Amino acid sequence: MSAGKFEELIDEAEPGVSTPHCSRGCAFGDFDNDGDVDILIVNLNEPPSLLRNDLTGSSRWVKVKLIGRTSSRSAIGAK
């Protein structure tokens, strides 16, 4: 995004973006622990596509690991 506008970067994109896929869902998260959001796309009858965001920026982030007590070791429902 440049000056509040989006840019078309399909020529710079890798096959995960430029090749057509039949996809069924996606998940957003920091898959490579570098502080930016990456996208995992679930494709039908083929491996998933991981679209890594490798742009550098000044974003700050915090990583939190929740551990529940006896009844909910995964900390499901934590606030």
N, C-alpha and C. Protein backbone atom coordinates (compact mmCIF):
# COMPACT_ATOMS: atom_id res chain seq x y z
N MET A 1 0.85 -1.16 0.00
CA MET A 1 0.00 0.00 0.00
C MET A 1 0.90 1.23 0.00
N SER A 2 0.66 2.11 -0.92
CA SER A 2 1.49 3.31 -1.05
C SER A 2 0.59 4.54 -0.99
N ALA A 3 0.82 5.41 -0.06
CA ALA A 3 0.05 6.65 0.10
C ALA A 3 -1.45 6.38 0.18
N GLY A 4 -1.84 5.34 0.89
CA GLY A 4 -3.25 5.03 1.06
C GLY A 4 -3.90 4.33 -0.11
N LYS A 5 -3.11 3.84 -1.05
CA LYS A 5 -3.65 3.15 -2.22
C LYS A 5 -2.99 1.79 -2.37
N PHE A 6 -3.73 0.84 -2.90
CA PHE A 6 -3.19 -0.50 -3.13
C PHE A 6 -2.43 -0.54 -4.45
N GLU A 7 -1.44 -1.42 -4.51
CA GLU A 7 -0.67 -1.62 -5.74
C GLU A 7 -0.89 -3.04 -6.23
N GLU A 8 -0.94 -3.24 -7.54
CA GLU A 8 -1.03 -4.57 -8.15
C GLU A 8 0.38 -5.11 -8.30
N LEU A 9 0.69 -6.21 -7.59
CA LEU A 9 2.04 -6.79 -7.62
C LEU A 9 2.02 -8.22 -8.14
N ILE A 10 1.11 -8.55 -9.02
CA ILE A 10 0.98 -9.92 -9.52
C ILE A 10 2.23 -10.36 -10.27
N ASP A 11 2.93 -9.44 -10.93
CA ASP A 11 4.15 -9.81 -11.65
C ASP A 11 5.27 -10.23 -10.70
N GLU A 12 5.28 -9.66 -9.49
CA GLU A 12 6.28 -10.01 -8.49
C GLU A 12 5.87 -11.21 -7.64
N ALA A 13 4.61 -11.61 -7.75
CA ALA A 13 4.08 -12.69 -6.92
C ALA A 13 4.61 -14.05 -7.36
N GLU A 14 4.67 -14.96 -6.41
CA GLU A 14 5.09 -16.33 -6.70
C GLU A 14 3.88 -17.15 -7.12
N PRO A 15 4.07 -18.42 -7.50
CA PRO A 15 2.96 -19.24 -7.98
C PRO A 15 1.81 -19.41 -6.98
N GLY A 16 2.07 -19.24 -5.69
CA GLY A 16 0.99 -19.34 -4.71
C GLY A 16 -0.10 -18.31 -4.92
N VAL A 17 0.26 -17.20 -5.53
CA VAL A 17 -0.71 -16.14 -5.80
C VAL A 17 -1.14 -16.13 -7.26
N SER A 18 -0.19 -16.31 -8.17
CA SER A 18 -0.50 -16.13 -9.60
C SER A 18 -1.11 -17.36 -10.26
N THR A 19 -0.96 -18.55 -9.68
CA THR A 19 -1.53 -19.77 -10.25
C THR A 19 -2.93 -19.99 -9.71
N PRO A 20 -3.91 -20.28 -10.59
CA PRO A 20 -5.28 -20.53 -10.11
C PRO A 20 -5.35 -21.80 -9.25
N HIS A 21 -6.08 -21.73 -8.15
CA HIS A 21 -6.31 -22.86 -7.27
C HIS A 21 -7.79 -22.91 -6.91
N CYS A 22 -8.28 -24.10 -6.60
CA CYS A 22 -9.62 -24.24 -6.06
C CYS A 22 -9.44 -24.31 -4.54
N SER A 23 -9.81 -23.25 -3.84
CA SER A 23 -9.52 -23.13 -2.41
C SER A 23 -10.81 -23.14 -1.60
N ARG A 24 -10.69 -23.60 -0.35
CA ARG A 24 -11.86 -23.76 0.51
C ARG A 24 -11.82 -22.97 1.80
N GLY A 25 -10.70 -22.38 2.15
CA GLY A 25 -10.63 -21.62 3.39
C GLY A 25 -9.24 -21.09 3.59
N CYS A 26 -9.09 -20.25 4.62
CA CYS A 26 -7.78 -19.70 4.92
C CYS A 26 -7.66 -19.36 6.40
N ALA A 27 -6.44 -19.23 6.84
CA ALA A 27 -6.15 -18.84 8.21
C ALA A 27 -5.10 -17.75 8.17
N PHE A 28 -5.25 -16.78 9.04
CA PHE A 28 -4.32 -15.66 9.11
C PHE A 28 -3.56 -15.72 10.43
N GLY A 29 -2.26 -15.54 10.37
CA GLY A 29 -1.46 -15.55 11.59
C GLY A 29 0.00 -15.33 11.26
N ASP A 30 0.80 -15.22 12.28
CA ASP A 30 2.24 -15.02 12.11
C ASP A 30 2.92 -16.39 12.09
N PHE A 31 2.88 -17.06 10.96
CA PHE A 31 3.38 -18.43 10.85
C PHE A 31 4.90 -18.53 10.99
N ASP A 32 5.63 -17.48 10.62
CA ASP A 32 7.09 -17.54 10.68
C ASP A 32 7.69 -16.70 11.82
N ASN A 33 6.83 -16.24 12.75
CA ASN A 33 7.27 -15.50 13.94
C ASN A 33 8.13 -14.29 13.64
N ASP A 34 7.79 -13.54 12.57
CA ASP A 34 8.57 -12.34 12.28
C ASP A 34 7.79 -11.06 12.56
N GLY A 35 6.59 -11.18 13.13
CA GLY A 35 5.83 -10.01 13.55
C GLY A 35 4.82 -9.49 12.56
N ASP A 36 4.67 -10.12 11.40
CA ASP A 36 3.65 -9.69 10.45
C ASP A 36 2.71 -10.84 10.13
N VAL A 37 1.56 -10.51 9.56
CA VAL A 37 0.52 -11.50 9.31
C VAL A 37 0.78 -12.23 7.99
N ASP A 38 0.79 -13.55 8.03
CA ASP A 38 0.91 -14.41 6.86
C ASP A 38 -0.44 -15.08 6.64
N ILE A 39 -0.63 -15.69 5.46
CA ILE A 39 -1.90 -16.33 5.12
C ILE A 39 -1.65 -17.77 4.69
N LEU A 40 -2.41 -18.69 5.27
CA LEU A 40 -2.39 -20.09 4.86
C LEU A 40 -3.71 -20.38 4.16
N ILE A 41 -3.64 -20.80 2.90
CA ILE A 41 -4.85 -21.07 2.11
C ILE A 41 -5.00 -22.58 1.94
N VAL A 42 -6.18 -23.09 2.27
CA VAL A 42 -6.46 -24.52 2.14
C VAL A 42 -7.01 -24.76 0.73
N ASN A 43 -6.27 -25.53 -0.07
CA ASN A 43 -6.66 -25.83 -1.45
C ASN A 43 -7.31 -27.21 -1.53
N LEU A 44 -8.21 -27.37 -2.45
CA LEU A 44 -8.91 -28.64 -2.65
C LEU A 44 -8.02 -29.59 -3.46
N ASN A 45 -7.80 -30.80 -2.96
CA ASN A 45 -7.03 -31.86 -3.63
C ASN A 45 -5.59 -31.48 -3.96
N GLU A 46 -5.00 -30.58 -3.20
CA GLU A 46 -3.60 -30.22 -3.35
C GLU A 46 -3.10 -29.63 -2.04
N PRO A 47 -1.79 -29.53 -1.86
CA PRO A 47 -1.26 -29.00 -0.61
C PRO A 47 -1.70 -27.55 -0.37
N PRO A 48 -1.71 -27.11 0.88
CA PRO A 48 -2.07 -25.73 1.17
C PRO A 48 -1.00 -24.76 0.66
N SER A 49 -1.38 -23.52 0.47
CA SER A 49 -0.47 -22.47 0.03
C SER A 49 -0.20 -21.55 1.22
N LEU A 50 1.07 -21.34 1.55
CA LEU A 50 1.45 -20.40 2.60
C LEU A 50 1.98 -19.14 1.94
N LEU A 51 1.27 -18.06 2.13
CA LEU A 51 1.66 -16.77 1.56
C LEU A 51 2.33 -15.97 2.67
N ARG A 52 3.66 -15.90 2.61
CA ARG A 52 4.42 -15.21 3.65
C ARG A 52 4.54 -13.73 3.35
N ASN A 53 4.30 -12.92 4.35
CA ASN A 53 4.46 -11.49 4.25
C ASN A 53 5.89 -11.17 4.69
N ASP A 54 6.77 -10.88 3.75
CA ASP A 54 8.17 -10.64 4.06
C ASP A 54 8.56 -9.16 3.97
N LEU A 55 7.58 -8.28 4.00
CA LEU A 55 7.89 -6.85 3.98
C LEU A 55 8.42 -6.44 5.34
N THR A 56 9.35 -5.52 5.34
CA THR A 56 9.86 -5.01 6.61
C THR A 56 9.03 -3.81 7.03
N GLY A 57 8.83 -3.69 8.30
CA GLY A 57 8.04 -2.58 8.81
C GLY A 57 8.41 -2.29 10.25
N SER A 58 7.71 -1.34 10.83
CA SER A 58 8.01 -0.96 12.21
C SER A 58 6.94 -1.46 13.17
N SER A 59 6.22 -2.49 12.78
CA SER A 59 5.16 -3.01 13.64
C SER A 59 5.75 -3.63 14.90
N ARG A 60 5.03 -3.44 15.99
CA ARG A 60 5.42 -4.07 17.25
C ARG A 60 4.39 -5.12 17.58
N TRP A 61 4.81 -6.18 18.23
CA TRP A 61 3.90 -7.24 18.56
C TRP A 61 4.33 -7.91 19.85
N VAL A 62 3.42 -8.64 20.44
CA VAL A 62 3.71 -9.36 21.67
C VAL A 62 3.19 -10.79 21.51
N LYS A 63 3.94 -11.74 21.98
CA LYS A 63 3.55 -13.14 21.91
C LYS A 63 3.15 -13.59 23.32
N VAL A 64 1.97 -14.18 23.43
CA VAL A 64 1.46 -14.61 24.72
C VAL A 64 1.16 -16.10 24.65
N LYS A 65 1.65 -16.86 25.62
CA LYS A 65 1.34 -18.28 25.69
C LYS A 65 0.48 -18.50 26.92
N LEU A 66 -0.76 -18.93 26.70
CA LEU A 66 -1.68 -19.17 27.80
C LEU A 66 -1.63 -20.63 28.21
N ILE A 67 -1.53 -20.85 29.51
CA ILE A 67 -1.56 -22.21 30.05
C ILE A 67 -2.61 -22.23 31.14
N GLY A 68 -3.62 -23.06 30.94
CA GLY A 68 -4.70 -23.15 31.92
C GLY A 68 -4.31 -23.96 33.14
N ARG A 69 -5.22 -24.03 34.06
CA ARG A 69 -4.99 -24.83 35.27
C ARG A 69 -5.44 -26.26 35.02
N THR A 70 -5.97 -26.91 35.96
CA THR A 70 -6.25 -28.35 35.84
C THR A 70 -7.33 -28.70 34.83
N SER A 71 -8.43 -27.94 34.77
CA SER A 71 -9.54 -28.34 33.92
C SER A 71 -9.37 -27.93 32.46
N SER A 72 -8.64 -26.90 32.16
CA SER A 72 -8.48 -26.40 30.79
C SER A 72 -7.01 -26.10 30.53
N ARG A 73 -6.22 -27.14 30.31
CA ARG A 73 -4.77 -26.96 30.11
C ARG A 73 -4.46 -26.12 28.87
N SER A 74 -5.36 -26.10 27.88
CA SER A 74 -5.14 -25.31 26.68
C SER A 74 -5.59 -23.86 26.85
N ALA A 75 -6.10 -23.52 28.00
CA ALA A 75 -6.57 -22.17 28.33
C ALA A 75 -7.70 -21.71 27.43
N ILE A 76 -8.54 -22.67 27.01
CA ILE A 76 -9.70 -22.33 26.18
C ILE A 76 -10.65 -21.47 26.99
N GLY A 77 -11.09 -20.36 26.43
CA GLY A 77 -12.00 -19.45 27.11
C GLY A 77 -11.29 -18.44 27.98
N ALA A 78 -9.96 -18.34 27.87
CA ALA A 78 -9.21 -17.38 28.70
C ALA A 78 -9.58 -15.96 28.34
N LYS A 79 -9.55 -15.08 29.33
CA LYS A 79 -9.86 -13.66 29.12
C LYS A 79 -8.72 -12.82 29.63
